[in-house]
């Protein structure tokens, strides 16, 4: 099996551990690597994922490589989850979705390389279609699941009319 080096193994994560997916795949980590390589764009007021998207639009090969390496690290985690959970669909949210398919391609390639064939047979890996509303939709679904759970539904009562 081909093991890629994403550069996160020796990076100290915000949690205090080394080699976390956040150390390679999170937008701040990728921007930090680009800044260390002298590729940060100081002529813009953009920050975070907006800045990374702007840099990626510039088609600098080093920027593309950093994004691909982050995607590969994310793909390693997704492959492990696929082997354990065997999902039908994996949805990736990324502010870079409208700019490049490098994140999606990187995740897919590692998942199909490392996950069991049975786990990827009918697997769909794609970007979220919800865009910026994905957090709101997720919160709604979690709240609905909680409120309508059998153990909680008994506690719901209609308020008496005034």
Protein backbone atom coordinates (compact mmCIF):
# COMPACT_ATOMS: atom_id res chain seq x y z
CA UNK A 1 0.00 0.00 0.00
CA UNK A 2 1.31 3.43 -0.93
CA UNK A 3 1.55 5.64 2.15
CA UNK A 4 1.70 9.34 1.42
CA UNK A 5 3.46 11.86 3.62
CA UNK A 6 1.19 14.83 4.21
CA UNK A 7 3.49 16.79 6.47
CA UNK A 8 1.16 16.62 9.46
CA UNK A 9 2.97 13.88 11.33
CA UNK A 10 5.38 16.29 13.05
CA UNK A 11 3.05 19.29 13.33
CA UNK A 12 1.73 20.10 16.77
CA UNK A 13 -2.05 20.33 16.64
CA UNK A 14 -4.20 22.75 18.62
CA UNK A 15 -5.22 19.81 20.82
CA UNK A 16 -1.59 19.20 21.83
CA UNK A 17 -1.14 15.95 19.87
CA UNK A 18 0.81 15.40 16.67
CA UNK A 19 -0.43 14.10 13.35
CA UNK A 20 -4.08 15.11 13.74
CA UNK A 21 -6.12 15.65 10.61
CA UNK A 22 -6.55 19.28 11.70
CA UNK A 23 -2.77 19.77 11.49
CA UNK A 24 -2.87 19.13 7.72
CA UNK A 25 -6.42 19.46 6.44
CA UNK A 26 -7.84 22.46 8.28
CA UNK A 27 -7.80 25.76 6.41
CA UNK A 28 -5.64 27.53 9.06
CA UNK A 29 -3.04 24.75 8.83
CA UNK A 30 -2.88 24.97 5.05
CA UNK A 31 -2.59 28.76 5.19
CA UNK A 32 0.19 28.47 7.76
CA UNK A 33 2.13 26.17 5.43
CA UNK A 34 1.64 28.55 2.52
CA UNK A 35 2.75 31.51 4.63
CA UNK A 36 5.88 29.60 5.68
CA UNK A 37 6.61 29.02 1.98
CA UNK A 38 6.18 32.75 1.29
CA UNK A 39 2.98 32.28 -0.69
CA UNK A 40 0.56 34.18 1.53
CA UNK A 41 -1.17 37.02 -0.30
CA UNK A 42 -0.64 40.14 1.78
CA UNK A 43 -2.38 42.42 -0.75
CA UNK A 44 -5.85 41.32 0.26
CA UNK A 45 -8.20 41.68 3.21
CA UNK A 46 -9.38 38.09 2.76
CA UNK A 47 -8.97 35.65 5.63
CA UNK A 48 -9.51 31.95 6.27
CA UNK A 49 -11.19 29.87 3.58
CA UNK A 50 -11.81 32.99 1.45
CA UNK A 51 -8.06 33.63 1.35
CA UNK A 52 -7.28 29.98 0.56
CA UNK A 53 -9.86 30.00 -2.25
CA UNK A 54 -8.29 33.21 -3.61
CA UNK A 55 -4.82 31.65 -3.54
CA UNK A 56 -6.11 28.49 -5.21
CA UNK A 57 -7.66 30.54 -8.03
CA UNK A 58 -4.15 31.83 -8.76
CA UNK A 59 -3.23 28.28 -9.87
CA UNK A 60 0.13 28.26 -8.12
CA UNK A 61 1.29 24.63 -8.10
CA UNK A 62 2.50 24.88 -4.49
CA UNK A 63 -0.92 26.07 -3.31
CA UNK A 64 -2.57 23.22 -5.19
CA UNK A 65 -0.11 20.75 -3.65
CA UNK A 66 -0.82 21.97 -0.10
CA UNK A 67 -4.57 21.62 -0.69
CA UNK A 68 -4.10 18.14 -2.16
CA UNK A 69 -1.98 17.05 0.80
CA UNK A 70 -4.67 18.28 3.18
CA UNK A 71 -7.25 16.36 1.17
CA UNK A 72 -5.13 13.21 1.35
CA UNK A 73 -4.94 13.45 5.13
CA UNK A 74 -8.71 13.90 5.26
CA UNK A 75 -9.04 10.93 2.90
CA UNK A 76 -7.08 8.74 5.33
CA UNK A 77 -9.62 9.46 8.04
CA UNK A 78 -12.57 8.97 5.71
CA UNK A 79 -11.13 5.63 4.52
CA UNK A 80 -10.86 4.41 8.11
CA UNK A 81 -14.43 5.50 8.82
CA UNK A 82 -15.64 3.75 5.66
CA UNK A 83 -13.98 0.52 6.75
CA UNK A 84 -15.69 0.71 10.15
CA UNK A 85 -19.08 2.26 9.36
CA UNK A 86 -19.58 1.25 5.71
CA UNK A 87 -21.59 4.37 4.76
CA UNK A 88 -23.42 4.76 1.47
CA UNK A 89 -22.57 8.43 1.18
CA UNK A 90 -19.84 10.73 2.45
CA UNK A 91 -20.55 14.43 2.13
CA UNK A 92 -17.69 16.89 2.32
CA UNK A 93 -18.26 20.54 3.07
CA UNK A 94 -15.61 22.85 1.76
CA UNK A 95 -15.44 26.52 0.96
CA UNK A 96 -13.13 25.46 -1.87
CA UNK A 97 -15.86 23.46 -3.65
CA UNK A 98 -16.68 26.31 -6.02
CA UNK A 99 -13.01 26.91 -6.81
CA UNK A 100 -11.47 23.50 -7.26
CA UNK A 101 -12.17 19.79 -7.16
CA UNK A 102 -8.72 19.07 -5.67
CA UNK A 103 -10.16 18.41 -2.19
CA UNK A 104 -12.79 16.02 -3.50
CA UNK A 105 -10.35 14.26 -5.84
CA UNK A 106 -7.76 13.90 -3.08
CA UNK A 107 -10.22 12.43 -0.60
CA UNK A 108 -11.66 10.06 -3.20
CA UNK A 109 -8.29 8.77 -4.35
CA UNK A 110 -7.13 7.88 -0.84
CA UNK A 111 -10.48 6.36 0.14
CA UNK A 112 -10.58 4.13 -2.94
CA UNK A 113 -6.94 3.16 -2.37
CA UNK A 114 -7.18 2.36 1.35
CA UNK A 115 -10.74 1.35 2.12
CA UNK A 116 -11.93 -2.20 1.57
CA UNK A 117 -13.49 -2.85 -1.83
CA UNK A 118 -16.75 -3.90 -0.19
CA UNK A 119 -16.92 -0.58 1.70
CA UNK A 120 -16.48 1.45 -1.51
CA UNK A 121 -18.58 -0.68 -3.87
CA UNK A 122 -21.63 1.64 -3.78
CA UNK A 123 -20.00 4.56 -1.95
CA UNK A 124 -20.68 8.10 -3.15
CA UNK A 125 -18.25 10.81 -2.06
CA UNK A 126 -19.32 14.30 -3.02
CA UNK A 127 -19.46 17.92 -1.94
CA UNK A 128 -22.43 19.11 0.08
CA UNK A 129 -25.14 20.80 -1.97
CA UNK A 130 -26.23 22.86 1.04
CA UNK A 131 -23.32 25.30 0.91
CA UNK A 132 -23.25 27.72 3.82
CA UNK A 133 -26.53 26.32 5.22
CA UNK A 134 -25.04 22.93 6.09
CA UNK A 135 -24.58 23.81 9.78
CA UNK A 136 -28.15 25.01 10.12
CA UNK A 137 -29.50 21.91 8.39
CA UNK A 138 -27.41 19.63 10.61
CA UNK A 139 -28.55 21.39 13.78
CA UNK A 140 -32.17 21.09 12.66
CA UNK A 141 -31.84 17.35 12.00
CA UNK A 142 -30.14 16.69 15.33
CA UNK A 143 -32.81 18.72 17.16
CA UNK A 144 -35.62 16.97 15.33
CA UNK A 145 -34.13 13.53 16.05
CA UNK A 146 -33.79 14.41 19.74
CA UNK A 147 -37.27 15.88 20.13
CA UNK A 148 -38.98 13.05 18.28
CA UNK A 149 -37.07 10.24 19.98
CA UNK A 150 -39.38 7.77 21.73
CA UNK A 151 -37.95 8.62 25.14
CA UNK A 152 -38.49 12.37 24.64
CA UNK A 153 -41.80 12.47 22.80
CA UNK A 154 -43.66 11.45 25.96
CA UNK A 155 -42.41 14.63 27.62
CA UNK A 156 -43.89 16.88 24.93
CA UNK A 157 -47.22 18.30 26.05
CA UNK A 158 -49.59 20.69 24.41
CA UNK A 159 -49.86 23.87 26.42
CA UNK A 160 -53.40 24.53 27.71
CA UNK A 161 -55.27 27.30 25.93
CA UNK A 162 -55.33 30.57 27.83
